[in-house]
Protein backbone atom coordinates (compact mmCIF):
# COMPACT_ATOMS: atom_id res chain seq x y z
CA UNK A 1 -13.70 29.44 -10.11
CA UNK A 2 -17.10 30.62 -9.41
CA UNK A 3 -18.63 27.73 -11.37
CA UNK A 4 -16.82 25.13 -9.53
CA UNK A 5 -17.14 26.76 -6.08
CA UNK A 6 -20.91 26.56 -6.68
CA UNK A 7 -20.71 23.05 -8.14
CA UNK A 8 -18.61 21.84 -4.97
CA UNK A 9 -21.05 23.28 -2.44
CA UNK A 10 -23.91 21.19 -4.11
CA UNK A 11 -22.50 18.07 -3.52
CA UNK A 12 -22.32 15.91 -0.24
CA UNK A 13 -20.90 12.63 0.15
CA UNK A 14 -23.63 10.91 -1.74
CA UNK A 15 -23.30 13.65 -4.79
CA UNK A 16 -19.80 12.69 -4.97
CA UNK A 17 -20.15 9.21 -5.15
CA UNK A 18 -23.17 9.96 -7.96
CA UNK A 19 -20.69 11.89 -9.77
CA UNK A 20 -17.83 9.27 -9.86
CA UNK A 21 -20.69 6.56 -11.07
CA UNK A 22 -21.81 8.62 -13.70
CA UNK A 23 -17.94 9.25 -14.84
CA UNK A 24 -17.22 5.62 -14.53
CA UNK A 25 -14.42 6.61 -11.86
CA UNK A 26 -15.98 4.81 -8.62
CA UNK A 27 -13.25 1.95 -9.06
CA UNK A 28 -10.58 4.09 -10.43
CA UNK A 29 -10.61 6.48 -7.46
CA UNK A 30 -10.65 3.66 -5.02
CA UNK A 31 -7.81 2.06 -6.64
CA UNK A 32 -5.57 4.36 -8.59
CA UNK A 33 -2.51 5.68 -6.89
CA UNK A 34 -2.37 9.04 -8.42
CA UNK A 35 -5.25 10.91 -10.03
CA UNK A 36 -4.58 14.03 -11.60
CA UNK A 37 -1.03 14.52 -9.79
CA UNK A 38 1.27 17.28 -10.98
CA UNK A 39 4.48 16.01 -12.61
CA UNK A 40 6.84 17.43 -9.88
CA UNK A 41 7.23 15.28 -6.86
CA UNK A 42 8.66 16.97 -4.13
CA UNK A 43 6.58 18.56 -1.62
CA UNK A 44 7.30 21.94 -0.84
CA UNK A 45 6.07 25.32 0.50
CA UNK A 46 5.53 26.72 -3.10
CA UNK A 47 2.11 28.02 -2.29
CA UNK A 48 1.72 31.81 -2.66
CA UNK A 49 -1.30 33.97 -4.22
CA UNK A 50 0.02 33.69 -7.45
CA UNK A 51 -0.73 30.09 -7.93
CA UNK A 52 -4.58 30.67 -6.70
CA UNK A 53 -7.19 29.69 -9.53
CA UNK A 54 -4.94 26.85 -10.23
CA UNK A 55 -7.15 24.13 -11.17
CA UNK A 56 -4.25 20.87 -11.28
CA UNK A 57 -4.01 19.34 -8.10
CA UNK A 58 -0.16 19.67 -7.52
CA UNK A 59 -0.54 17.65 -3.94
CA UNK A 60 0.01 13.85 -3.41
CA UNK A 61 -1.92 11.80 -0.99
CA UNK A 62 0.04 9.80 1.90
CA UNK A 63 0.12 8.00 5.17
CA UNK A 64 0.89 9.38 8.72
CA UNK A 65 2.33 6.16 10.06
CA UNK A 66 0.45 6.76 13.50
CA UNK A 67 -2.64 5.06 11.56
CA UNK A 68 -0.77 1.94 11.89
CA UNK A 69 0.77 2.40 15.72
CA UNK A 70 -0.13 -0.96 16.41
CA UNK A 71 1.85 -2.89 13.82
CA UNK A 72 5.56 -3.23 13.17
CA UNK A 73 7.42 -1.11 10.80
CA UNK A 74 6.87 -3.87 8.22
CA UNK A 75 3.63 -4.45 8.34
CA UNK A 76 2.89 -0.33 8.41
CA UNK A 77 4.89 -0.28 5.29
CA UNK A 78 2.77 -3.20 3.73
CA UNK A 79 -0.16 -1.82 4.65
CA UNK A 80 0.82 1.32 2.96
CA UNK A 81 1.57 -0.19 -0.24
CA UNK A 82 -1.77 -1.93 -0.36
CA UNK A 83 -3.31 1.67 -0.22
CA UNK A 84 -1.95 2.60 -3.27
CA UNK A 85 -0.21 5.16 -1.55
CA UNK A 86 3.66 6.14 -2.19
CA UNK A 87 4.52 8.92 0.73
CA UNK A 88 4.80 8.06 4.45
CA UNK A 89 5.57 9.73 7.36
CA UNK A 90 6.75 7.67 10.10
CA UNK A 91 6.07 8.28 13.80
CA UNK A 92 8.50 6.49 16.51
CA UNK A 93 6.89 3.44 16.97
CA UNK A 94 8.23 2.69 13.38
CA UNK A 95 11.27 4.71 13.76
CA UNK A 96 12.48 5.33 17.11
CA UNK A 97 13.59 8.68 18.29
CA UNK A 98 16.72 7.17 20.27
CA UNK A 99 17.61 4.42 17.10
CA UNK A 100 20.98 4.41 16.17
CA UNK A 101 22.68 5.08 12.79
CA UNK A 102 22.46 1.73 11.69
CA UNK A 103 19.09 0.95 13.14
CA UNK A 104 17.59 4.10 10.97
CA UNK A 105 19.79 2.80 7.77
CA UNK A 106 18.25 -0.34 8.00
CA UNK A 107 14.49 0.90 8.40
CA UNK A 108 15.41 3.53 5.43
CA UNK A 109 16.46 0.53 3.26
CA UNK A 110 13.10 -1.20 4.02
CA UNK A 111 11.19 1.72 3.08
CA UNK A 112 12.83 2.33 -0.05
CA UNK A 113 12.71 -1.29 -1.06
CA UNK A 114 9.28 -1.23 -1.19
CA UNK A 115 8.79 1.71 -3.07
CA UNK A 116 7.97 4.39 -0.78
CA UNK A 117 9.07 7.77 0.20
CA UNK A 118 9.55 8.33 4.03
CA UNK A 119 9.50 12.26 3.49
CA UNK A 120 8.92 13.15 7.03
CA UNK A 121 8.82 12.30 11.13
CA UNK A 122 6.41 12.95 13.56
CA UNK A 123 4.47 14.30 15.70
CA UNK A 124 7.82 15.27 17.70
CA UNK A 125 7.36 17.02 20.85
CA UNK A 126 10.32 19.22 21.60
CA UNK A 127 10.33 21.20 25.10
CA UNK A 128 14.28 21.44 25.51
CA UNK A 129 16.94 22.42 22.82
CA UNK A 130 18.73 18.95 23.15
CA UNK A 131 15.26 17.46 22.09
CA UNK A 132 15.47 19.85 19.28
CA UNK A 133 18.97 19.01 18.17
CA UNK A 134 17.86 15.06 18.60
CA UNK A 135 15.18 15.24 16.17
CA UNK A 136 16.82 17.25 13.66
CA UNK A 137 19.68 14.60 14.23
CA UNK A 138 17.37 11.64 13.48
CA UNK A 139 15.58 13.32 10.48
CA UNK A 140 19.01 14.14 8.65
CA UNK A 141 19.69 10.67 9.41
CA UNK A 142 16.56 9.23 7.73
CA UNK A 143 16.94 11.64 4.81
CA UNK A 144 13.38 12.86 5.76
CA UNK A 145 12.62 16.29 4.10
CA UNK A 146 10.96 17.65 7.24
CA UNK A 147 9.90 17.03 11.07
CA UNK A 148 6.07 17.22 11.76
CA UNK A 149 6.52 18.78 15.61
CA UNK A 150 4.98 20.28 18.65
CA UNK A 151 7.91 22.43 19.73
CA UNK A 152 7.35 24.38 22.95
CA UNK A 153 7.65 28.29 21.49
CA UNK A 154 10.79 28.99 23.63
CA UNK A 155 12.44 26.73 21.79
CA UNK A 156 11.76 27.97 17.98
CA UNK A 157 15.16 29.85 18.13
CA UNK A 158 16.73 26.82 18.50
CA UNK A 159 14.29 25.28 15.61
CA UNK A 160 15.47 28.05 13.16
CA UNK A 161 19.15 27.12 13.77
CA UNK A 162 18.69 23.35 12.98
CA UNK A 163 16.65 24.15 10.21
CA UNK A 164 19.35 26.41 8.59
CA UNK A 165 22.05 23.98 9.57
CA UNK A 166 20.51 20.76 8.53
CA UNK A 167 18.09 21.68 5.44
CA UNK A 168 15.47 19.84 7.31
CA UNK A 169 12.40 21.75 7.56
CA UNK A 170 9.81 22.06 10.53
CA UNK A 171 6.05 21.70 10.15
CA UNK A 172 4.03 22.50 12.94
CA UNK A 173 0.92 20.50 14.04
CA UNK A 174 -1.91 21.92 15.46
CA UNK A 175 -4.04 19.67 18.29
CA UNK A 176 -6.57 21.74 18.90
CA UNK A 177 -8.63 21.39 22.17
CA UNK A 178 -6.13 20.76 25.11
CA UNK A 179 -3.14 22.14 23.04
CA UNK A 180 -1.58 24.82 25.23
CA UNK A 181 0.64 25.92 22.53
CA UNK A 182 -0.67 25.31 19.24
CA UNK A 183 -4.68 24.68 18.96
CA UNK A 184 -4.85 26.25 15.21
CA UNK A 185 -2.77 26.87 12.26
CA UNK A 186 -3.26 30.36 12.82
CA UNK A 187 -1.50 30.34 16.15
CA UNK A 188 1.35 28.99 15.15
CA UNK A 189 1.22 31.12 11.89
CA UNK A 190 1.75 33.88 13.89
CA UNK A 191 4.48 32.82 16.00
CA UNK A 192 6.46 31.29 12.77
CA UNK A 193 5.84 33.59 10.06
CA UNK A 194 8.75 35.80 10.60
CA UNK A 195 11.01 32.85 10.75
CA UNK A 196 13.00 30.82 8.04
CA UNK A 197 10.61 29.75 5.43
CA UNK A 198 11.07 26.07 5.79
CA UNK A 199 9.44 26.58 9.29
CA UNK A 200 5.67 26.29 8.54
CA UNK A 201 2.57 24.38 9.21
CA UNK A 202 1.15 20.66 9.41
CA UNK A 203 -2.71 21.57 9.41
CA UNK A 204 -4.81 18.78 11.57
CA UNK A 205 -8.04 19.34 9.55
CA UNK A 206 -9.97 16.95 12.51
CA UNK A 207 -8.16 19.42 14.98
CA UNK A 208 -8.79 22.33 13.64
CA UNK A 209 -12.47 21.49 13.33
CA UNK A 210 -12.64 20.17 16.96
CA UNK A 211 -11.57 23.61 18.20
CA UNK A 212 -14.00 25.14 16.35
CA UNK A 213 -11.83 26.88 13.14
CA UNK A 214 -12.93 26.94 9.67
CA UNK A 215 -10.73 24.60 7.23
CA UNK A 216 -11.05 27.09 4.22
CA UNK A 217 -10.37 30.07 6.09
CA UNK A 218 -7.18 28.42 7.82
CA UNK A 219 -5.76 27.75 4.13
CA UNK A 220 -6.61 31.08 3.10
CA UNK A 221 -5.23 32.73 5.96
CA UNK A 222 -1.69 30.49 6.19
CA UNK A 223 -1.35 29.23 2.97
CA UNK A 224 2.12 30.72 2.17
CA UNK A 225 3.26 28.77 5.60
CA UNK A 226 1.58 24.94 4.73
CA UNK A 227 4.29 22.30 4.56
CA UNK A 228 2.01 19.22 5.54
CA UNK A 229 -1.65 18.03 5.85
CA UNK A 230 -3.10 15.76 8.30
CA UNK A 231 -6.58 14.80 6.31
CA UNK A 232 -9.25 12.70 8.33
CA UNK A 233 -13.07 12.97 8.91
CA UNK A 234 -14.52 13.65 12.79
CA UNK A 235 -17.91 12.60 13.94
CA UNK A 236 -18.85 16.18 15.07
CA UNK A 237 -17.16 19.87 15.47
CA UNK A 238 -16.71 19.73 18.70
CA UNK A 239 -13.99 18.78 21.46
CA UNK A 240 -15.72 15.29 21.76
CA UNK A 241 -15.54 14.57 17.65
CA UNK A 242 -13.28 11.91 16.79
CA UNK A 243 -11.88 10.13 13.73
CA UNK A 244 -14.44 8.40 11.24
CA UNK A 245 -14.05 6.91 7.95
CA UNK A 246 -14.16 10.03 5.49
CA UNK A 247 -17.38 10.83 4.15
CA UNK A 248 -19.02 9.59 7.10
CA UNK A 249 -18.40 12.64 9.26
CA UNK A 250 -19.06 16.56 9.38
CA UNK A 251 -15.83 17.92 7.77
CA UNK A 252 -16.49 19.58 4.41
CA UNK A 253 -13.61 17.98 2.51
CA UNK A 254 -14.67 18.44 -1.14
CA UNK A 255 -14.35 22.43 0.00
CA UNK A 256 -10.98 21.86 1.95
CA UNK A 257 -9.30 20.09 -0.96
CA UNK A 258 -10.89 22.55 -3.40
CA UNK A 259 -9.07 25.14 -1.38
CA UNK A 260 -5.58 23.53 -1.25
CA UNK A 261 -6.08 23.12 -5.29
CA UNK A 262 -6.62 26.88 -5.50
CA UNK A 263 -3.70 27.97 -3.27
CA UNK A 264 -1.64 25.82 -5.17
CA UNK A 265 -0.42 23.27 -2.39
CA UNK A 266 2.11 20.98 -3.56
CA UNK A 267 3.22 19.03 -0.58
CA UNK A 268 1.28 15.74 0.96
CA UNK A 269 -2.19 15.26 2.88
CA UNK A 270 -1.30 12.36 4.80
CA UNK A 271 -3.93 10.38 6.33
CA UNK A 272 -4.22 10.09 10.12
CA UNK A 273 -6.64 7.58 11.11
CA UNK A 274 -7.16 7.36 14.56
CA UNK A 275 -9.93 5.07 15.39
CA UNK A 276 -9.64 1.25 15.22
CA UNK A 277 -6.43 1.19 16.24
CA UNK A 278 -6.23 -2.78 16.10
CA UNK A 279 -7.97 -2.88 12.53
CA UNK A 280 -7.41 0.58 10.74
CA UNK A 281 -7.18 -0.80 7.06
CA UNK A 282 -10.97 -0.78 6.35
CA UNK A 283 -11.39 2.98 7.45
CA UNK A 284 -8.17 4.00 5.73
CA UNK A 285 -9.13 2.25 2.31
CA UNK A 286 -12.43 4.09 2.43
CA UNK A 287 -10.97 7.21 3.45
CA UNK A 288 -8.24 6.94 1.09
CA UNK A 289 -10.93 6.26 -1.84
CA UNK A 290 -13.20 8.79 -0.75
CA UNK A 291 -10.46 11.62 -0.91
CA UNK A 292 -9.50 10.16 -4.30
CA UNK A 293 -13.29 10.43 -5.45
CA UNK A 294 -13.20 13.79 -4.32
CA UNK A 295 -10.35 14.95 -6.36
CA UNK A 296 -11.56 13.06 -9.54
CA UNK A 297 -14.43 15.14 -9.46
CA UNK A 298 -12.95 18.68 -8.72
CA UNK A 299 -10.05 17.87 -11.54
CA UNK A 300 -12.44 16.60 -14.46
């Protein structure tokens, strides 16, 4: 891996695009829905030290539907398909927490007919036991594998009970500056490392760096509990940083993806493009294309 690490460190956005052009992959990286994915299609917390050094991309690119929050569920589904993505995490804009079972079933059917996989819901805040119970009943009814959540630390015992009862996992999402509970992945890790292994992390890479965190170090220190990832780029590594098309910002995305490959991460990396809420598709397409380009270069 030393040779690959040196190669990656030499690449910026221009270097990766040049490499793609030389390989004849620029178009494929933008259009293909799966470059180098592993055969197993179920995201799970299979990351361990034993997987380090693995060169095959085992994770999937997906959509965090907060990106498409200004659009109804039908349009969000269509836009996700247009980007060539298969995995989607629904924010409550597209499937309300208070939806009745028949309403949940109707939306889930639309997702299935479109050929997408509704693997998670969130981010869902949970401060009281009844909110935890509601969230897990909602996720179970929708057939979700996990909740992307921000629970009050006080309700973690209730979270663990619901995980054991329903089989639905929970990935704690770090929100960086302003998040009094979970500013960094490591903050959450310390609280959940001795709980049921289906309780883990959703690393938001933008918020991690906005808080001053190191992406590669965050993956290394929490690898065995990473259940989900929110991917994006940001304008600056401070609390003032905001989302921009991937490759135009300050995040070292090649190094981050390489580290996910090394630890054997096998879940989903969902795009959470928070800017341009009324017209998110151009920036989302540019970001997904850039992600695929990086993975094409790293996987060759």
